[in-house]
Amino acid sequence: MSAPTCLPSWGHTWVDLPVLRLPLPGVELIPCDNGCYQIPIDISAPEDPVDRAVHRWFLGHHGAFLVWRFLGASLDRLTREPDSQLVRAAALGYDAYSVMLAYSGSCSREVYDDVIRPKMAAFDPAFSGRWARDYEPLPALLRRARAALGSAAAEPLSAASKANLLAHMEVMRALVPDGQSLLRESGKARVPITDAERARFDEFFLVSRENVCASRYAAHRTAVLSAVDQDLAKHPLRPEYRDTLGRLLTHL
């Protein structure tokens, strides 16, 4: 299956990040010679607090795209190969996604209301995280993995997924305390998601869907996770976040 190439440009007016090139969900990376991708990927956070908040919103979502792919692969393997090491890997994926939620949503409510939310609304009045195509299969995969494992063996995974849900709710309460998302305000909350909306989500967050070789993907993944880690070293949130990122980088 060939992925269409569509280079997004919308977010470049606000943030200096390289386009994240990803296959469509379920499409494998292209094999390549070891280390064939050698072009440096440079990502650095701006010093201005508002610019840094916007940078974190985009970079944190890039991290989420990459973690979703890792998590999807881990959960899919668990449905076929119930194994304690894979349970730990999947749990680490949920922990890493919690870090990305906290990192991308670490701005103040004022910055979110005055800068970030208007950018999304200007792009699409109904803009929603529900349009994230890489996240869509994860709830069903989690249910299948837990059923394959049984409740006792799945406990670390269940705990991490519940903590992730709480992390999501914590960010939502901080940034949208009235619960009125753009999707709800648009009146489209009950309307089925379309492929066009999934593509819009990609475009907003500077994600291009195309065939990607394994070395290029690994280089960009390391660059994103390392950039988040370096930013957190300079502007900390919680100490355990960097520990989670370190464990993920070691695992990959």
Protein backbone atom coordinates (compact mmCIF):
# COMPACT_ATOMS: atom_id res chain seq x y z
CA MET A 1 0.00 0.00 0.00
CA SER A 2 1.47 3.33 -1.05
CA ALA A 3 0.94 6.41 1.10
CA PRO A 4 0.16 9.72 -0.60
CA THR A 5 2.73 12.48 -0.19
CA CYS A 6 1.19 15.74 0.98
CA LEU A 7 3.59 18.30 2.38
CA PRO A 8 1.79 20.48 4.93
CA SER A 9 2.71 24.13 5.26
CA TRP A 10 0.12 25.70 7.56
CA GLY A 11 2.05 25.50 10.82
CA HIS A 12 5.32 26.80 9.38
CA THR A 13 4.02 30.33 9.86
CA TRP A 14 4.12 29.74 13.63
CA VAL A 15 6.72 27.15 14.46
CA ASP A 16 10.18 26.19 13.21
CA LEU A 17 9.87 22.41 13.02
CA PRO A 18 10.72 19.96 10.25
CA VAL A 19 7.77 18.16 8.68
CA LEU A 20 7.20 14.79 10.35
CA ARG A 21 7.08 12.17 7.60
CA LEU A 22 5.05 9.10 8.54
CA PRO A 23 3.46 6.11 6.81
CA LEU A 24 -0.26 5.71 7.17
CA PRO A 25 -1.30 3.58 10.18
CA GLY A 26 -0.74 -0.09 9.42
CA VAL A 27 1.82 0.62 6.68
CA GLU A 28 5.31 -0.68 7.41
CA LEU A 29 8.50 1.33 7.13
CA ILE A 30 10.59 0.70 4.02
CA PRO A 31 13.72 -1.41 4.65
CA CYS A 32 16.98 0.41 4.01
CA ASP A 33 20.71 0.08 4.45
CA ASN A 34 21.76 0.55 8.06
CA GLY A 35 22.21 4.25 8.76
CA CYS A 36 21.33 5.31 5.22
CA TYR A 37 19.69 8.51 6.45
CA GLN A 38 22.44 10.89 7.54
CA ILE A 39 20.94 14.38 7.20
CA PRO A 40 20.93 16.06 10.65
CA ILE A 41 17.52 16.92 12.10
CA ASP A 42 17.85 20.02 14.26
CA ILE A 43 15.07 20.93 16.71
CA SER A 44 15.49 23.61 19.37
CA ALA A 45 13.01 25.42 21.59
CA PRO A 46 12.67 29.22 21.40
CA GLU A 47 13.37 31.30 24.49
CA ASP A 48 10.30 33.54 24.32
CA PRO A 49 7.68 31.99 26.67
CA VAL A 50 4.75 32.32 24.25
CA ASP A 51 6.78 31.08 21.28
CA ARG A 52 7.98 28.19 23.42
CA ALA A 53 4.39 27.32 24.35
CA VAL A 54 3.42 27.13 20.66
CA HIS A 55 6.59 25.15 19.93
CA ARG A 56 5.69 22.68 22.70
CA TRP A 57 2.15 22.32 21.35
CA PHE A 58 3.47 21.22 17.97
CA LEU A 59 6.54 19.29 19.11
CA GLY A 60 4.55 17.50 21.81
CA HIS A 61 2.06 16.40 19.19
CA HIS A 62 4.89 15.17 16.97
CA GLY A 63 6.02 13.13 19.95
CA ALA A 64 2.47 11.83 20.36
CA PHE A 65 2.31 10.72 16.71
CA LEU A 66 5.53 8.75 17.19
CA VAL A 67 4.41 7.25 20.52
CA TRP A 68 1.05 6.26 19.03
CA ARG A 69 2.86 4.28 16.33
CA PHE A 70 5.07 2.59 18.92
CA LEU A 71 2.07 1.89 21.15
CA GLY A 72 -0.03 0.54 18.31
CA ALA A 73 2.70 -1.89 17.30
CA SER A 74 3.23 -3.00 20.92
CA LEU A 75 -0.48 -3.59 21.55
CA ASP A 76 -0.92 -5.40 18.24
CA ARG A 77 1.90 -7.80 19.11
CA LEU A 78 0.37 -8.36 22.54
CA THR A 79 -2.88 -9.58 21.00
CA ARG A 80 -0.87 -12.34 19.29
CA GLU A 81 2.04 -12.85 21.71
CA PRO A 82 0.97 -12.31 25.34
CA ASP A 83 4.32 -11.64 26.99
CA SER A 84 5.43 -9.74 30.11
CA GLN A 85 8.17 -7.84 28.24
CA LEU A 86 5.65 -6.64 25.67
CA VAL A 87 3.32 -5.63 28.50
CA ARG A 88 6.07 -3.42 29.91
CA ALA A 89 6.75 -1.95 26.48
CA ALA A 90 3.09 -1.09 25.94
CA ALA A 91 2.82 0.38 29.45
CA LEU A 92 5.91 2.50 28.69
CA GLY A 93 4.13 3.70 25.54
CA TYR A 94 1.17 4.92 27.58
CA ASP A 95 3.51 6.58 30.09
CA ALA A 96 5.33 8.33 27.23
CA TYR A 97 2.02 9.49 25.76
CA SER A 98 1.16 10.97 29.17
CA VAL A 99 4.43 12.92 29.04
CA MET A 100 3.55 14.26 25.58
CA LEU A 101 0.12 15.34 26.80
CA ALA A 102 1.63 17.22 29.73
CA TYR A 103 4.42 18.71 27.60
CA SER A 104 2.23 19.94 24.74
CA GLY A 105 -0.38 21.24 27.19
CA SER A 106 2.07 22.92 29.58
CA CYS A 107 1.13 26.46 28.53
CA SER A 108 -0.98 28.72 30.71
CA ARG A 109 -4.72 28.89 30.11
CA GLU A 110 -4.27 32.48 28.92
CA VAL A 111 -1.79 31.46 26.23
CA TYR A 112 -4.05 28.59 25.18
CA ASP A 113 -7.11 30.87 24.98
CA ASP A 114 -5.33 33.79 23.31
CA VAL A 115 -2.87 32.05 20.99
CA ILE A 116 -3.16 28.29 20.53
CA ARG A 117 -6.92 27.72 20.43
CA PRO A 118 -7.48 30.61 17.96
CA LYS A 119 -4.86 29.06 15.64
CA MET A 120 -6.76 25.78 15.59
CA ALA A 121 -10.12 27.54 15.16
CA ALA A 122 -8.76 29.59 12.27
CA PHE A 123 -7.55 26.41 10.60
CA ASP A 124 -10.87 24.64 11.11
CA PRO A 125 -13.73 25.75 13.42
CA ALA A 126 -14.40 22.11 14.42
CA PHE A 127 -10.73 21.12 14.85
CA SER A 128 -10.44 18.11 17.14
CA GLY A 129 -8.01 15.58 18.53
CA ARG A 130 -10.58 12.96 17.55
CA TRP A 131 -9.24 13.38 14.00
CA ALA A 132 -5.89 11.80 14.94
CA ARG A 133 -5.85 8.71 12.72
CA ASP A 134 -2.89 7.11 14.53
CA TYR A 135 -4.74 7.17 17.85
CA GLU A 136 -8.04 5.78 16.50
CA PRO A 137 -7.13 2.05 16.61
CA LEU A 138 -5.55 2.17 20.08
CA PRO A 139 -8.66 1.74 22.30
CA ALA A 140 -9.74 -1.40 20.42
CA LEU A 141 -6.18 -2.77 20.45
CA LEU A 142 -5.98 -2.15 24.21
CA ARG A 143 -9.20 -4.09 24.79
CA ARG A 144 -7.95 -7.00 22.68
CA ALA A 145 -4.56 -7.03 24.40
CA ARG A 146 -6.11 -7.03 27.87
CA ALA A 147 -8.46 -9.85 26.87
CA ALA A 148 -5.54 -11.90 25.53
CA LEU A 149 -3.50 -11.32 28.69
CA GLY A 150 -6.12 -11.70 31.39
CA SER A 151 -6.64 -9.17 34.17
CA ALA A 152 -3.66 -10.13 36.34
CA ALA A 153 -1.04 -10.14 33.59
CA ALA A 154 -2.50 -6.97 32.08
CA GLU A 155 -2.36 -4.99 35.35
CA PRO A 156 0.73 -2.86 34.47
CA LEU A 157 -0.84 -2.01 31.12
CA SER A 158 -4.22 -1.25 32.69
CA ALA A 159 -2.61 1.02 35.28
CA ALA A 160 -0.61 2.93 32.66
CA SER A 161 -3.64 3.39 30.39
CA LYS A 162 -5.74 4.67 33.32
CA ALA A 163 -2.96 7.08 34.31
CA ASN A 164 -2.87 8.26 30.70
CA LEU A 165 -6.61 8.96 30.77
CA LEU A 166 -6.14 10.97 33.96
CA ALA A 167 -3.26 12.89 32.35
CA HIS A 168 -5.52 13.78 29.42
CA MET A 169 -8.28 14.91 31.77
CA GLU A 170 -5.80 16.99 33.78
CA VAL A 171 -4.71 18.91 30.68
CA MET A 172 -8.31 19.38 29.55
CA ARG A 173 -9.37 20.70 32.96
CA ALA A 174 -6.45 23.14 32.99
CA LEU A 175 -6.93 24.47 29.46
CA VAL A 176 -10.66 23.97 28.75
CA PRO A 177 -12.33 23.94 32.19
CA ASP A 178 -15.84 24.41 30.76
CA GLY A 179 -15.41 21.35 28.53
CA GLN A 180 -16.40 23.25 25.41
CA SER A 181 -14.04 21.93 22.76
CA LEU A 182 -14.04 23.41 19.26
CA LEU A 183 -15.77 20.25 18.06
CA ARG A 184 -18.58 20.64 20.60
CA GLU A 185 -18.96 24.32 19.83
CA SER A 186 -19.27 23.49 16.14
CA GLY A 187 -22.17 21.12 16.79
CA LYS A 188 -20.36 18.25 15.03
CA ALA A 189 -19.49 16.17 18.08
CA ARG A 190 -21.75 13.29 17.00
CA VAL A 191 -20.86 13.41 13.31
CA PRO A 192 -18.65 10.53 12.04
CA ILE A 193 -15.02 11.42 11.36
CA THR A 194 -14.04 11.66 7.70
CA ASP A 195 -10.75 10.97 5.93
CA ALA A 196 -10.65 14.63 4.99
CA GLU A 197 -10.68 15.55 8.68
CA ARG A 198 -7.94 13.05 9.42
CA ALA A 199 -5.89 14.66 6.67
CA ARG A 200 -6.63 18.11 8.12
CA PHE A 201 -5.26 17.00 11.50
CA ASP A 202 -2.08 15.84 9.81
CA GLU A 203 -1.78 19.07 7.86
CA PHE A 204 -2.19 21.28 10.91
CA PHE A 205 0.52 19.45 12.84
CA LEU A 206 2.97 19.35 9.91
CA VAL A 207 2.71 15.62 9.23
CA SER A 208 3.22 14.26 5.73
CA ARG A 209 1.96 10.75 4.92
CA GLU A 210 4.38 8.95 2.67
CA ASN A 211 6.59 5.90 2.41
CA VAL A 212 9.45 6.33 4.90
CA CYS A 213 12.63 4.30 5.31
CA ALA A 214 13.47 2.87 8.71
CA SER A 215 16.63 4.98 9.18
CA ARG A 216 14.90 8.25 8.39
CA TYR A 217 12.06 7.40 10.75
CA ALA A 218 14.44 6.42 13.55
CA ALA A 219 16.51 9.60 13.08
CA HIS A 220 13.44 11.84 13.29
CA ARG A 221 12.00 9.92 16.23
CA THR A 222 15.25 10.31 18.18
CA ALA A 223 15.43 14.01 17.28
CA VAL A 224 11.89 14.69 18.52
CA LEU A 225 12.20 12.75 21.77
CA SER A 226 15.64 14.21 22.48
CA ALA A 227 14.39 17.76 21.80
CA VAL A 228 11.54 17.30 24.28
CA ASP A 229 14.00 15.91 26.83
CA GLN A 230 16.42 18.84 26.34
CA ASP A 231 13.63 21.38 26.67
CA LEU A 232 12.44 19.72 29.88
CA ALA A 233 16.00 19.80 31.21
CA LYS A 234 16.06 23.57 30.75
CA HIS A 235 12.42 24.27 31.65
CA PRO A 236 11.32 21.38 33.93
CA LEU A 237 7.78 20.19 34.53
CA ARG A 238 8.10 16.99 36.59
CA PRO A 239 11.30 14.99 37.16
CA GLU A 240 9.71 11.67 36.22
CA TYR A 241 8.93 12.89 32.69
CA ARG A 242 12.59 12.85 31.67
CA ASP A 243 13.01 9.42 33.25
CA THR A 244 10.15 8.11 31.08
CA LEU A 245 11.67 9.62 27.94
CA GLY A 246 15.04 8.13 28.82
CA ARG A 247 13.54 4.67 29.23
CA LEU A 248 11.70 5.01 25.91
CA LEU A 249 14.84 6.14 24.06
CA THR A 250 16.75 3.21 25.57
CA HIS A 251 13.98 0.78 24.59
CA LEU A 252 13.69 1.88 20.96
